[in-house]
Amino acid sequence: MATIYLETNIASPIQHVFDLSRDIDFHARSAIHTNEKAIAGKICGLIELNETVTWKGKHLGLYLTHQSKITAFDHPNTFTDEMIRGHFKSFKHQHIFKRIPSGTQMIDILEYDVPFGILGKIFDSLILKKHLTQFLTTRNYALKSSLEIKNN
């Protein structure tokens, strides 16, 4: 199992960061470089507990689909999405939000496991983990930029 841990400080109230982080429309806009679109389940607006979304996007040169469900939700502190269908053996993304003096600290903990045994682990260490980290970093920068511009 691989883990990606990211912290992003955003000069915006926790409620705003929490809501924008679960906004389907914003996610699609922030993932424009992968042409990611919600194609089933909750396809617009704010996703809630027990709702699902199916994404289709171009990653590493291939169009892939990934269906996830919100399995934990504590407004405005945390929510978790877990893969129902997709190309991973397992995929769990925890979104954690903490109030800090300058606004909100957003923490991403992405835990995933790849198929294909040792070949999958080699692919993960050489390519996949870097790709997923960059994808999340780009998304977090878009969140930060959007909210901090809005607050100024």
Protein backbone atom coordinates (compact mmCIF):
# COMPACT_ATOMS: atom_id res chain seq x y z
CA MET A 1 0.00 0.00 0.00
CA ALA A 2 1.28 3.45 -0.96
CA THR A 3 0.47 6.70 0.84
CA ILE A 4 0.59 10.30 -0.35
CA TYR A 5 0.41 12.96 2.37
CA LEU A 6 0.03 16.63 1.46
CA GLU A 7 -0.56 19.74 3.57
CA THR A 8 -1.83 22.94 2.00
CA ASN A 9 -2.42 26.14 3.98
CA ILE A 10 -5.16 28.32 2.54
CA ALA A 11 -6.01 31.84 3.71
CA SER A 12 -9.74 31.19 3.72
CA PRO A 13 -12.35 30.07 6.28
CA ILE A 14 -12.64 26.32 6.84
CA GLN A 15 -16.22 26.24 5.52
CA HIS A 16 -15.17 27.68 2.16
CA VAL A 17 -12.24 25.28 1.78
CA PHE A 18 -14.36 22.28 2.79
CA ASP A 19 -17.13 23.14 0.33
CA LEU A 20 -14.88 23.91 -2.63
CA SER A 21 -12.99 20.65 -2.01
CA ARG A 22 -16.16 18.63 -2.54
CA ASP A 23 -17.52 20.69 -5.43
CA ILE A 24 -17.82 18.46 -8.51
CA ASP A 25 -17.85 21.41 -10.92
CA PHE A 26 -14.70 22.93 -9.41
CA HIS A 27 -12.90 19.58 -9.52
CA ALA A 28 -13.63 19.28 -13.23
CA ARG A 29 -12.33 22.83 -13.84
CA SER A 30 -9.19 22.21 -11.79
CA ALA A 31 -8.52 18.94 -13.65
CA ILE A 32 -8.83 20.47 -17.13
CA HIS A 33 -5.35 19.15 -18.01
CA THR A 34 -6.73 15.58 -17.75
CA ASN A 35 -10.07 16.41 -19.40
CA GLU A 36 -11.72 14.93 -16.31
CA LYS A 37 -15.51 14.92 -16.29
CA ALA A 38 -18.17 13.55 -13.93
CA ILE A 39 -20.18 11.11 -16.05
CA ALA A 40 -22.42 9.29 -13.53
CA GLY A 41 -23.77 9.60 -10.01
CA LYS A 42 -23.43 13.09 -8.59
CA ILE A 43 -22.30 15.06 -11.65
CA CYS A 44 -22.52 18.64 -10.33
CA GLY A 45 -22.68 20.58 -7.09
CA LEU A 46 -21.46 19.54 -3.65
CA ILE A 47 -21.06 15.82 -3.02
CA GLU A 48 -22.43 14.50 0.29
CA LEU A 49 -22.22 11.39 2.46
CA ASN A 50 -23.05 8.13 0.64
CA GLU A 51 -23.16 9.78 -2.78
CA THR A 52 -21.12 8.42 -5.64
CA VAL A 53 -19.41 10.04 -8.60
CA THR A 54 -17.87 8.42 -11.65
CA TRP A 55 -15.04 10.34 -13.26
CA LYS A 56 -13.62 9.87 -16.74
CA GLY A 57 -10.31 11.47 -17.55
CA LYS A 58 -7.07 11.06 -19.44
CA HIS A 59 -4.25 9.90 -17.20
CA LEU A 60 -0.88 8.74 -18.45
CA GLY A 61 -2.17 8.76 -22.02
CA LEU A 62 -5.24 6.60 -21.37
CA TYR A 63 -8.89 7.49 -20.80
CA LEU A 64 -9.82 5.88 -17.48
CA THR A 65 -12.94 5.79 -15.33
CA HIS A 66 -12.94 5.88 -11.54
CA GLN A 67 -16.06 5.58 -9.40
CA SER A 68 -15.90 6.64 -5.77
CA LYS A 69 -18.29 7.00 -2.86
CA ILE A 70 -18.20 9.40 0.08
CA THR A 71 -17.89 6.98 3.00
CA ALA A 72 -17.20 9.41 5.86
CA PHE A 73 -18.37 12.99 6.33
CA ASP A 74 -17.96 15.37 9.28
CA HIS A 75 -18.86 18.86 8.11
CA PRO A 76 -16.59 20.98 7.88
CA ASN A 77 -13.72 18.90 9.30
CA THR A 78 -13.29 15.85 7.08
CA PHE A 79 -14.67 13.68 4.34
CA THR A 80 -13.39 10.49 2.76
CA ASP A 81 -13.91 9.10 -0.71
CA GLU A 82 -13.21 5.46 -1.53
CA MET A 83 -13.05 3.73 -4.89
CA ILE A 84 -15.94 1.47 -5.80
CA ARG A 85 -14.75 0.71 -9.34
CA GLY A 86 -11.53 1.62 -11.06
CA HIS A 87 -8.02 0.50 -11.86
CA PHE A 88 -6.61 0.26 -8.35
CA LYS A 89 -6.83 -2.67 -5.94
CA SER A 90 -7.86 -0.10 -3.34
CA PHE A 91 -8.06 3.69 -3.21
CA LYS A 92 -9.00 5.80 -0.18
CA HIS A 93 -8.64 9.59 -0.05
CA GLN A 94 -9.11 11.36 3.27
CA HIS A 95 -9.65 15.13 3.15
CA ILE A 96 -8.97 16.77 6.53
CA PHE A 97 -9.51 20.45 7.35
CA LYS A 98 -8.11 22.27 10.39
CA ARG A 99 -8.56 25.86 11.46
CA ILE A 100 -5.24 27.68 11.73
CA PRO A 101 -4.56 31.38 12.49
CA SER A 102 -4.12 32.23 8.81
CA GLY A 103 -7.24 30.33 7.68
CA THR A 104 -7.38 26.59 7.00
CA GLN A 105 -4.90 23.77 6.76
CA MET A 106 -6.07 21.19 4.23
CA ILE A 107 -4.55 17.73 4.58
CA ASP A 108 -4.81 15.03 1.92
CA ILE A 109 -4.06 11.44 2.85
CA LEU A 110 -4.33 9.20 -0.20
CA GLU A 111 -3.80 5.49 0.41
CA TYR A 112 -3.90 3.16 -2.55
CA ASP A 113 -2.76 -0.23 -3.72
CA VAL A 114 -1.96 -1.18 -7.29
CA PRO A 115 -2.70 -4.44 -9.10
CA PHE A 116 -0.23 -6.60 -11.05
CA GLY A 117 2.07 -7.60 -8.19
CA ILE A 118 5.70 -6.58 -8.51
CA LEU A 119 5.16 -5.02 -11.95
CA GLY A 120 2.45 -2.78 -10.47
CA LYS A 121 4.75 -1.78 -7.61
CA ILE A 122 7.55 -0.90 -10.04
CA PHE A 123 5.12 1.14 -12.17
CA ASP A 124 3.93 2.90 -9.01
CA SER A 125 7.42 3.76 -7.81
CA LEU A 126 8.61 4.97 -11.23
CA ILE A 127 5.53 6.76 -12.58
CA LEU A 128 2.18 6.49 -10.78
CA LYS A 129 2.97 7.98 -7.36
CA LYS A 130 4.59 11.02 -8.98
CA HIS A 131 1.57 11.42 -11.29
CA LEU A 132 -0.94 11.21 -8.43
CA THR A 133 1.09 13.61 -6.27
CA GLN A 134 1.25 16.13 -9.13
CA PHE A 135 -2.48 15.73 -9.79
CA LEU A 136 -3.32 16.48 -6.13
CA THR A 137 -0.79 19.31 -5.91
CA THR A 138 -2.29 20.96 -9.00
CA ARG A 139 -5.80 20.57 -7.59
CA ASN A 140 -4.72 22.01 -4.22
CA TYR A 141 -3.03 24.98 -5.88
CA ALA A 142 -6.26 25.64 -7.82
CA LEU A 143 -8.26 25.52 -4.57
CA LYS A 144 -5.82 27.83 -2.81
CA SER A 145 -5.66 30.29 -5.70
CA SER A 146 -9.41 30.42 -6.17
CA LEU A 147 -10.20 30.93 -2.48
CA GLU A 148 -7.43 33.37 -1.74
CA ILE A 149 -8.30 35.55 -4.75
CA LYS A 150 -11.95 35.48 -3.63
CA ASN A 151 -10.96 36.62 -0.12
CA ASN A 152 -8.86 39.58 -1.32
